[in-house]
């Protein structure tokens, strides 16, 4: 029973972190589509702030043993790859 609860908490923690990463990606998409270009200081500020916040959430979850360091790194790496693809696509437009 206890291990089932631990697994459930781990799955929920990862799902919440993934949802936050997806939210950041969506926020940047909207900002790029409607407000500013990647060279704008506002864009950089939003991206830096959001990425920092997510990295702190991930660090907290790792310290609680809710996710592994590798899972946290993978989440950040995946988000950065998606943001790079989005940025490159905006440069071509």
PDB file of N, CA and C in Angstrom:
ATOM      1  N   UNK A   1       0.826  -1.196   0.000  1.00  0.00           N
ATOM      2  CA  UNK A   1       0.000   0.000   0.000  1.00  0.00           C
ATOM      3  C   UNK A   1       0.869   1.258   0.000  1.00  0.00           C
ATOM      4  N   UNK A   2       1.890   1.280   0.841  1.00  0.00           N
ATOM      5  CA  UNK A   2       2.746   2.450   0.930  1.00  0.00           C
ATOM      6  C   UNK A   2       3.473   2.717  -0.377  1.00  0.00           C
ATOM      7  N   UNK A   3       3.956   1.660  -1.034  1.00  0.00           N
ATOM      8  CA  UNK A   3       4.657   1.856  -2.304  1.00  0.00           C
ATOM      9  C   UNK A   3       3.701   2.332  -3.387  1.00  0.00           C
ATOM     10  N   UNK A   4       2.436   1.908  -3.334  1.00  0.00           N
ATOM     11  CA  UNK A   4       1.443   2.402  -4.288  1.00  0.00           C
ATOM     12  C   UNK A   4       1.235   3.899  -4.115  1.00  0.00           C
ATOM     13  N   UNK A   5       1.213   4.358  -2.889  1.00  0.00           N
ATOM     14  CA  UNK A   5       1.051   5.789  -2.602  1.00  0.00           C
ATOM     15  C   UNK A   5       2.263   6.560  -3.105  1.00  0.00           C
ATOM     16  N   UNK A   6       3.460   6.020  -2.878  1.00  0.00           N
ATOM     17  CA  UNK A   6       4.682   6.675  -3.327  1.00  0.00           C
ATOM     18  C   UNK A   6       4.707   6.788  -4.844  1.00  0.00           C
ATOM     19  N   UNK A   7       4.326   5.712  -5.525  1.00  0.00           N
ATOM     20  CA  UNK A   7       4.283   5.728  -6.989  1.00  0.00           C
ATOM     21  C   UNK A   7       3.263   6.753  -7.461  1.00  0.00           C
ATOM     22  N   UNK A   8       2.113   6.787  -6.816  1.00  0.00           N
ATOM     23  CA  UNK A   8       1.075   7.746  -7.180  1.00  0.00           C
ATOM     24  C   UNK A   8       1.580   9.182  -7.017  1.00  0.00           C
ATOM     25  N   UNK A   9       2.276   9.461  -5.933  1.00  0.00           N
ATOM     26  CA  UNK A   9       2.819  10.805  -5.713  1.00  0.00           C
ATOM     27  C   UNK A   9       3.875  11.150  -6.759  1.00  0.00           C
ATOM     28  N   UNK A  10       4.699  10.187  -7.100  1.00  0.00           N
ATOM     29  CA  UNK A  10       5.732  10.405  -8.130  1.00  0.00           C
ATOM     30  C   UNK A  10       5.088  10.708  -9.476  1.00  0.00           C
ATOM     31  N   UNK A  11       4.073   9.938  -9.827  1.00  0.00           N
ATOM     32  CA  UNK A  11       3.384  10.154 -11.099  1.00  0.00           C
ATOM     33  C   UNK A  11       2.701  11.520 -11.130  1.00  0.00           C
ATOM     34  N   UNK A  12       2.072  11.880 -10.028  1.00  0.00           N
ATOM     35  CA  UNK A  12       1.411  13.183  -9.954  1.00  0.00           C
ATOM     36  C   UNK A  12       2.426  14.317 -10.026  1.00  0.00           C
ATOM     37  N   UNK A  13       3.543  14.177  -9.331  1.00  0.00           N
ATOM     38  CA  UNK A  13       4.583  15.208  -9.353  1.00  0.00           C
ATOM     39  C   UNK A  13       5.109  15.393 -10.766  1.00  0.00           C
ATOM     40  N   UNK A  14       5.403  14.285 -11.436  1.00  0.00           N
ATOM     41  CA  UNK A  14       5.917  14.384 -12.805  1.00  0.00           C
ATOM     42  C   UNK A  14       4.863  15.012 -13.724  1.00  0.00           C
ATOM     43  N   UNK A  15       3.618  14.611 -13.581  1.00  0.00           N
ATOM     44  CA  UNK A  15       2.543  15.161 -14.417  1.00  0.00           C
ATOM     45  C   UNK A  15       2.392  16.664 -14.191  1.00  0.00           C
ATOM     46  N   UNK A  16       2.499  17.108 -12.950  1.00  0.00           N
ATOM     47  CA  UNK A  16       2.395  18.539 -12.660  1.00  0.00           C
ATOM     48  C   UNK A  16       3.565  19.315 -13.261  1.00  0.00           C
ATOM     49  N   UNK A  17       4.760  18.766 -13.146  1.00  0.00           N
ATOM     50  CA  UNK A  17       5.930  19.425 -13.727  1.00  0.00           C
ATOM     51  C   UNK A  17       5.829  19.462 -15.249  1.00  0.00           C
ATOM     52  N   UNK A  18       5.368  18.384 -15.845  1.00  0.00           N
ATOM     53  CA  UNK A  18       5.195  18.337 -17.303  1.00  0.00           C
ATOM     54  C   UNK A  18       4.147  19.364 -17.728  1.00  0.00           C
ATOM     55  N   UNK A  19       3.074  19.490 -16.969  1.00  0.00           N
ATOM     56  CA  UNK A  19       2.046  20.479 -17.280  1.00  0.00           C
ATOM     57  C   UNK A  19       2.614  21.896 -17.196  1.00  0.00           C
ATOM     58  N   UNK A  20       3.466  22.152 -16.223  1.00  0.00           N
ATOM     59  CA  UNK A  20       4.094  23.477 -16.116  1.00  0.00           C
ATOM     60  C   UNK A  20       5.020  23.734 -17.299  1.00  0.00           C
ATOM     61  N   UNK A  21       5.759  22.712 -17.727  1.00  0.00           N
ATOM     62  CA  UNK A  21       6.627  22.860 -18.901  1.00  0.00           C
ATOM     63  C   UNK A  21       5.779  23.143 -20.147  1.00  0.00           C
ATOM     64  N   UNK A  22       4.672  22.439 -20.293  1.00  0.00           N
ATOM     65  CA  UNK A  22       3.776  22.671 -21.427  1.00  0.00           C
ATOM     66  C   UNK A  22       3.180  24.077 -21.378  1.00  0.00           C
ATOM     67  N   UNK A  23       2.874  24.537 -20.180  1.00  0.00           N
ATOM     68  CA  UNK A  23       2.325  25.889 -20.023  1.00  0.00           C
ATOM     69  C   UNK A  23       3.347  26.941 -20.458  1.00  0.00           C
ATOM     70  N   UNK A  24       4.591  26.734 -20.104  1.00  0.00           N
ATOM     71  CA  UNK A  24       5.646  27.665 -20.518  1.00  0.00           C
ATOM     72  C   UNK A  24       5.758  27.682 -22.034  1.00  0.00           C
ATOM     73  N   UNK A  25       5.749  26.517 -22.656  1.00  0.00           N
ATOM     74  CA  UNK A  25       5.819  26.445 -24.108  1.00  0.00           C
ATOM     75  C   UNK A  25       4.639  27.181 -24.734  1.00  0.00           C
ATOM     76  N   UNK A  26       3.447  26.972 -24.209  1.00  0.00           N
ATOM     77  CA  UNK A  26       2.266  27.651 -24.741  1.00  0.00           C
ATOM     78  C   UNK A  26       2.360  29.161 -24.545  1.00  0.00           C
ATOM     79  N   UNK A  27       2.831  29.584 -23.393  1.00  0.00           N
ATOM     80  CA  UNK A  27       2.988  31.017 -23.117  1.00  0.00           C
ATOM     81  C   UNK A  27       3.935  31.660 -24.127  1.00  0.00           C
ATOM     82  N   UNK A  28       5.044  30.985 -24.401  1.00  0.00           N
ATOM     83  CA  UNK A  28       6.012  31.515 -25.354  1.00  0.00           C
ATOM     84  C   UNK A  28       5.433  31.522 -26.766  1.00  0.00           C
ATOM     85  N   UNK A  29       4.676  30.486 -27.119  1.00  0.00           N
ATOM     86  CA  UNK A  29       4.023  30.456 -28.433  1.00  0.00           C
ATOM     87  C   UNK A  29       3.095  31.656 -28.603  1.00  0.00           C
ATOM     88  N   UNK A  30       2.281  31.895 -27.608  1.00  0.00           N
ATOM     89  CA  UNK A  30       1.338  33.014 -27.667  1.00  0.00           C
ATOM     90  C   UNK A  30       2.089  34.333 -27.749  1.00  0.00           C
ATOM     91  N   UNK A  31       3.122  34.467 -26.946  1.00  0.00           N
ATOM     92  CA  UNK A  31       3.892  35.704 -26.945  1.00  0.00           C
ATOM     93  C   UNK A  31       4.539  35.938 -28.308  1.00  0.00           C
ATOM     94  N   UNK A  32       5.083  34.894 -28.900  1.00  0.00           N
ATOM     95  CA  UNK A  32       5.736  35.037 -30.199  1.00  0.00           C
ATOM     96  C   UNK A  32       4.716  35.326 -31.292  1.00  0.00           C
ATOM     97  N   UNK A  33       3.560  34.709 -31.213  1.00  0.00           N
ATOM     98  CA  UNK A  33       2.528  34.904 -32.231  1.00  0.00           C
ATOM     99  C   UNK A  33       1.880  36.281 -32.155  1.00  0.00           C
ATOM    100  N   UNK A  34       1.737  36.815 -30.954  1.00  0.00           N
ATOM    101  CA  UNK A  34       0.917  38.008 -30.786  1.00  0.00           C
ATOM    102  C   UNK A  34       1.625  39.248 -30.257  1.00  0.00           C
ATOM    103  N   UNK A  35       2.693  39.066 -29.536  1.00  0.00           N
ATOM    104  CA  UNK A  35       3.224  40.225 -28.828  1.00  0.00           C
ATOM    105  C   UNK A  35       4.617  40.635 -29.269  1.00  0.00           C
ATOM    106  N   UNK A  36       5.563  39.759 -29.108  1.00  0.00           N
ATOM    107  CA  UNK A  36       6.946  40.177 -29.296  1.00  0.00           C
ATOM    108  C   UNK A  36       7.744  39.136 -30.059  1.00  0.00           C
ATOM    109  N   UNK A  37       8.881  39.565 -30.537  1.00  0.00           N
ATOM    110  CA  UNK A  37       9.805  38.680 -31.225  1.00  0.00           C
ATOM    111  C   UNK A  37      10.861  38.199 -30.227  1.00  0.00           C
ATOM    112  N   UNK A  38      11.550  37.104 -30.553  1.00  0.00           N
ATOM    113  CA  UNK A  38      12.548  36.550 -29.627  1.00  0.00           C
ATOM    114  C   UNK A  38      13.666  37.523 -29.241  1.00  0.00           C
ATOM    115  N   UNK A  39      13.920  38.549 -30.050  1.00  0.00           N
ATOM    116  CA  UNK A  39      14.975  39.496 -29.717  1.00  0.00           C
ATOM    117  C   UNK A  39      14.534  40.537 -28.685  1.00  0.00           C
ATOM    118  N   UNK A  40      13.261  40.572 -28.388  1.00  0.00           N
ATOM    119  CA  UNK A  40      12.714  41.562 -27.459  1.00  0.00           C
ATOM    120  C   UNK A  40      13.098  41.227 -26.023  1.00  0.00           C
ATOM    121  N   UNK A  41      13.513  42.247 -25.263  1.00  0.00           N
ATOM    122  CA  UNK A  41      13.853  42.006 -23.853  1.00  0.00           C
ATOM    123  C   UNK A  41      12.692  41.408 -23.047  1.00  0.00           C
ATOM    124  N   UNK A  42      11.471  41.759 -23.374  1.00  0.00           N
ATOM    125  CA  UNK A  42      10.315  41.214 -22.669  1.00  0.00           C
ATOM    126  C   UNK A  42      10.228  39.704 -22.880  1.00  0.00           C
ATOM    127  N   UNK A  43      10.430  39.272 -24.099  1.00  0.00           N
ATOM    128  CA  UNK A  43      10.431  37.844 -24.411  1.00  0.00           C
ATOM    129  C   UNK A  43      11.490  37.128 -23.572  1.00  0.00           C
ATOM    130  N   UNK A  44      12.690  37.662 -23.577  1.00  0.00           N
ATOM    131  CA  UNK A  44      13.789  37.049 -22.818  1.00  0.00           C
ATOM    132  C   UNK A  44      13.479  37.012 -21.327  1.00  0.00           C
ATOM    133  N   UNK A  45      12.898  38.084 -20.810  1.00  0.00           N
ATOM    134  CA  UNK A  45      12.573  38.159 -19.384  1.00  0.00           C
ATOM    135  C   UNK A  45      11.535  37.105 -19.000  1.00  0.00           C
ATOM    136  N   UNK A  46      10.495  36.987 -19.812  1.00  0.00           N
ATOM    137  CA  UNK A  46       9.451  35.995 -19.539  1.00  0.00           C
ATOM    138  C   UNK A  46      10.042  34.589 -19.601  1.00  0.00           C
ATOM    139  N   UNK A  47      10.814  34.325 -20.644  1.00  0.00           N
ATOM    140  CA  UNK A  47      11.391  32.997 -20.800  1.00  0.00           C
ATOM    141  C   UNK A  47      12.335  32.672 -19.641  1.00  0.00           C
ATOM    142  N   UNK A  48      13.222  33.589 -19.305  1.00  0.00           N
ATOM    143  CA  UNK A  48      14.171  33.351 -18.212  1.00  0.00           C
ATOM    144  C   UNK A  48      13.454  33.124 -16.886  1.00  0.00           C
ATOM    145  N   UNK A  49      12.460  33.944 -16.606  1.00  0.00           N
ATOM    146  CA  UNK A  49      11.721  33.832 -15.346  1.00  0.00           C
ATOM    147  C   UNK A  49      10.977  32.506 -15.266  1.00  0.00           C
ATOM    148  N   UNK A  50      10.305  32.139 -16.335  1.00  0.00           N
ATOM    149  CA  UNK A  50       9.541  30.895 -16.346  1.00  0.00           C
ATOM    150  C   UNK A  50      10.451  29.673 -16.247  1.00  0.00           C
ATOM    151  N   UNK A  51      11.544  29.692 -16.974  1.00  0.00           N
ATOM    152  CA  UNK A  51      12.480  28.567 -16.938  1.00  0.00           C
ATOM    153  C   UNK A  51      13.124  28.441 -15.553  1.00  0.00           C
ATOM    154  N   UNK A  52      13.462  29.565 -14.949  1.00  0.00           N
ATOM    155  CA  UNK A  52      14.035  29.526 -13.613  1.00  0.00           C
ATOM    156  C   UNK A  52      13.030  28.934 -12.621  1.00  0.00           C
ATOM    157  N   UNK A  53      11.787  29.393 -12.707  1.00  0.00           N
ATOM    158  CA  UNK A  53      10.750  28.870 -11.814  1.00  0.00           C
ATOM    159  C   UNK A  53      10.562  27.371 -11.975  1.00  0.00           C
ATOM    160  N   UNK A  54      10.536  26.901 -13.205  1.00  0.00           N
ATOM    161  CA  UNK A  54      10.382  25.472 -13.447  1.00  0.00           C
ATOM    162  C   UNK A  54      11.586  24.701 -12.907  1.00  0.00           C
ATOM    163  N   UNK A  55      12.780  25.239 -13.105  1.00  0.00           N
ATOM    164  CA  UNK A  55      13.965  24.536 -12.602  1.00  0.00           C
ATOM    165  C   UNK A  55      13.941  24.437 -11.083  1.00  0.00           C
ATOM    166  N   UNK A  56      13.412  25.451 -10.400  1.00  0.00           N
ATOM    167  CA  UNK A  56      13.293  25.402  -8.938  1.00  0.00           C
ATOM    168  C   UNK A  56      12.253  24.364  -8.523  1.00  0.00           C
ATOM    169  N   UNK A  57      11.141  24.289  -9.252  1.00  0.00           N
ATOM    170  CA  UNK A  57      10.128  23.271  -8.956  1.00  0.00           C
ATOM    171  C   UNK A  57      10.719  21.872  -9.113  1.00  0.00           C
ATOM    172  N   UNK A  58      11.459  21.682 -10.183  1.00  0.00           N
ATOM    173  CA  UNK A  58      12.078  20.386 -10.444  1.00  0.00           C
ATOM    174  C   UNK A  58      13.072  20.055  -9.341  1.00  0.00           C
ATOM    175  N   UNK A  59      13.891  21.021  -8.963  1.00  0.00           N
ATOM    176  CA  UNK A  59      14.854  20.799  -7.889  1.00  0.00           C
ATOM    177  C   UNK A  59      14.144  20.386  -6.597  1.00  0.00           C
ATOM    178  N   UNK A  60      13.047  21.034  -6.294  1.00  0.00           N
ATOM    179  CA  UNK A  60      12.281  20.708  -5.095  1.00  0.00           C
ATOM    180  C   UNK A  60      11.743  19.278  -5.168  1.00  0.00           C
ATOM    181  N   UNK A  61      11.202  18.909  -6.322  1.00  0.00           N
ATOM    182  CA  UNK A  61      10.666  17.558  -6.492  1.00  0.00           C
ATOM    183  C   UNK A  61      11.777  16.507  -6.396  1.00  0.00           C
ATOM    184  N   UNK A  62      12.948  16.830  -6.914  1.00  0.00           N
ATOM    185  CA  UNK A  62      14.085  15.909  -6.807  1.00  0.00           C
ATOM    186  C   UNK A  62      14.482  15.744  -5.349  1.00  0.00           C
ATOM    187  N   UNK A  63      14.552  16.849  -4.621  1.00  0.00           N
ATOM    188  CA  UNK A  63      14.944  16.786  -3.213  1.00  0.00           C
ATOM    189  C   UNK A  63      13.955  15.993  -2.379  1.00  0.00           C
ATOM    190  N   UNK A  64      12.697  15.978  -2.793  1.00  0.00           N
ATOM    191  CA  UNK A  64      11.679  15.186  -2.095  1.00  0.00           C
ATOM    192  C   UNK A  64      11.627  13.744  -2.602  1.00  0.00           C
ATOM    193  N   UNK A  65      12.500  13.420  -3.537  1.00  0.00           N
ATOM    194  CA  UNK A  65      12.526  12.093  -4.158  1.00  0.00           C
ATOM    195  C   UNK A  65      11.222  11.747  -4.870  1.00  0.00           C
ATOM    196  N   UNK A  66      10.566  12.775  -5.407  1.00  0.00           N
ATOM    197  CA  UNK A  66       9.357  12.546  -6.180  1.00  0.00           C
ATOM    198  C   UNK A  66       9.685  12.241  -7.638  1.00  0.00           C
ATOM    199  N   UNK A  67      10.799  12.788  -8.115  1.00  0.00           N
ATOM    200  CA  UNK A  67      11.314  12.459  -9.437  1.00  0.00           C
ATOM    201  C   UNK A  67      12.829  12.319  -9.310  1.00  0.00           C
ATOM    202  N   UNK A  68      13.437  11.695 -10.293  1.00  0.00           N
ATOM    203  CA  UNK A  68      14.892  11.573 -10.284  1.00  0.00           C
ATOM    204  C   UNK A  68      15.517  12.805 -10.935  1.00  0.00           C
ATOM    205  N   UNK A  69      16.803  12.992 -10.674  1.00  0.00           N
ATOM    206  CA  UNK A  69      17.512  14.095 -11.339  1.00  0.00           C
ATOM    207  C   UNK A  69      17.436  13.941 -12.847  1.00  0.00           C
ATOM    208  N   UNK A  70      17.553  12.707 -13.317  1.00  0.00           N
ATOM    209  CA  UNK A  70      17.503  12.445 -14.762  1.00  0.00           C
ATOM    210  C   UNK A  70      16.149  12.834 -15.349  1.00  0.00           C
ATOM    211  N   UNK A  71      15.070  12.529 -14.633  1.00  0.00           N
ATOM    212  CA  UNK A  71      13.737  12.915 -15.111  1.00  0.00           C
ATOM    213  C   UNK A  71      13.607  14.431 -15.173  1.00  0.00           C
ATOM    214  N   UNK A  72      14.113  15.105 -14.159  1.00  0.00           N
ATOM    215  CA  UNK A  72      14.064  16.563 -14.150  1.00  0.00           C
ATOM    216  C   UNK A  72      14.872  17.164 -15.281  1.00  0.00           C
ATOM    217  N   UNK A  73      16.068  16.620 -15.488  1.00  0.00           N
ATOM    218  CA  UNK A  73      16.916  17.100 -16.582  1.00  0.00           C
ATOM    219  C   UNK A  73      16.243  16.850 -17.921  1.00  0.00           C
ATOM    220  N   UNK A  74      15.629  15.690 -18.073  1.00  0.00           N
ATOM    221  CA  UNK A  74      14.930  15.373 -19.320  1.00  0.00           C
ATOM    222  C   UNK A  74      13.779  16.345 -19.578  1.00  0.00           C
ATOM    223  N   UNK A  75      13.043  16.698 -18.534  1.00  0.00           N
ATOM    224  CA  UNK A  75      11.951  17.666 -18.688  1.00  0.00           C
ATOM    225  C   UNK A  75      12.479  19.005 -19.197  1.00  0.00           C
ATOM    226  N   UNK A  76      13.533  19.502 -18.568  1.00  0.00           N
ATOM    227  CA  UNK A  76      14.101  20.785 -18.980  1.00  0.00           C
ATOM    228  C   UNK A  76      14.703  20.704 -20.383  1.00  0.00           C
ATOM    229  N   UNK A  77      15.415  19.618 -20.660  1.00  0.00           N
ATOM    230  CA  UNK A  77      16.017  19.456 -21.991  1.00  0.00           C
ATOM    231  C   UNK A  77      14.956  19.400 -23.076  1.00  0.00           C
ATOM    232  N   UNK A  78      13.876  18.663 -22.820  1.00  0.00           N
ATOM    233  CA  UNK A  78      12.796  18.556 -23.798  1.00  0.00           C
ATOM    234  C   UNK A  78      12.151  19.919 -24.045  1.00  0.00           C
ATOM    235  N   UNK A  79      11.909  20.660 -22.985  1.00  0.00           N
ATOM    236  CA  UNK A  79      11.319  21.989 -23.137  1.00  0.00           C
ATOM    237  C   UNK A  79      12.251  22.906 -23.922  1.00  0.00           C
ATOM    238  N   UNK A  80      13.531  22.870 -23.611  1.00  0.00           N
ATOM    239  CA  UNK A  80      14.486  23.710 -24.331  1.00  0.00           C
ATOM    240  C   UNK A  80      14.538  23.348 -25.812  1.00  0.00           C
ATOM    241  N   UNK A  81      14.479  22.054 -26.134  1.00  0.00           N
ATOM    242  CA  UNK A  81      14.464  21.632 -27.538  1.00  0.00           C
ATOM    243  C   UNK A  81      13.222  22.165 -28.250  1.00  0.00           C
ATOM    244  N   UNK A  82      12.068  22.055 -27.586  1.00  0.00           N
ATOM    245  CA  UNK A  82      10.829  22.554 -28.187  1.00  0.00           C
ATOM    246  C   UNK A  82      10.877  24.066 -28.379  1.00  0.00           C
ATOM    247  N   UNK A  83      11.442  24.764 -27.410  1.00  0.00           N
ATOM    248  CA  UNK A  83      11.558  26.218 -27.531  1.00  0.00           C
ATOM    249  C   UNK A  83      12.515  26.597 -28.651  1.00  0.00           C
ATOM    250  N   UNK A  84      13.589  25.836 -28.824  1.00  0.00           N
ATOM    251  CA  UNK A  84      14.524  26.099 -29.919  1.00  0.00           C
ATOM    252  C   UNK A  84      13.857  25.898 -31.277  1.00  0.00           C
ATOM    253  N   UNK A  85      13.056  24.840 -31.401  1.00  0.00           N
ATOM    254  CA  UNK A  85      12.328  24.595 -32.649  1.00  0.00           C
ATOM    255  C   UNK A  85      11.380  25.755 -32.916  1.00  0.00           C
ATOM    256  N   UNK A  86      10.680  26.201 -31.904  1.00  0.00           N
ATOM    257  CA  UNK A  86       9.746  27.315 -32.030  1.00  0.00           C
ATOM    258  C   UNK A  86      10.488  28.590 -32.439  1.00  0.00           C
ATOM    259  N   UNK A  87      11.624  28.835 -31.803  1.00  0.00           N
ATOM    260  CA  UNK A  87      12.415  30.021 -32.116  1.00  0.00           C
ATOM    261  C   UNK A  87      12.918  29.974 -33.560  1.00  0.00           C
ATOM    262  N   UNK A  88      13.416  28.820 -33.985  1.00  0.00           N
ATOM    263  CA  UNK A  88      13.895  28.683 -35.367  1.00  0.00           C
ATOM    264  C   UNK A  88      12.767  28.881 -36.365  1.00  0.00           C
ATOM    265  N   UNK A  89      11.591  28.361 -36.057  1.00  0.00           N
ATOM    266  CA  UNK A  89      10.451  28.539 -36.947  1.00  0.00           C
ATOM    267  C   UNK A  89      10.061  30.007 -37.052  1.00  0.00           C
ATOM    268  N   UNK A  90      10.164  30.739 -35.970  1.00  0.00           N
ATOM    269  CA  UNK A  90       9.817  32.159 -36.007  1.00  0.00           C
ATOM    270  C   UNK A  90      10.829  32.958 -36.824  1.00  0.00           C
ATOM    271  N   UNK A  91      12.069  32.494 -36.856  1.00  0.00           N
ATOM    272  CA  UNK A  91      13.118  33.169 -37.621  1.00  0.00           C
ATOM    273  C   UNK A  91      12.886  32.999 -39.124  1.00  0.00           C
ATOM    274  N   UNK A  92      12.294  31.872 -39.505  1.00  0.00           N
ATOM    275  CA  UNK A  92      12.035  31.603 -40.929  1.00  0.00           C
ATOM    276  C   UNK A  92      10.826  32.360 -41.451  1.00  0.00           C
ATOM    277  N   UNK A  93       9.955  32.751 -40.550  1.00  0.00           N
ATOM    278  CA  UNK A  93       8.704  33.415 -40.978  1.00  0.00           C
ATOM    279  C   UNK A  93       8.939  34.824 -41.444  1.00  0.00           C
TER     280      UNK A  93
END
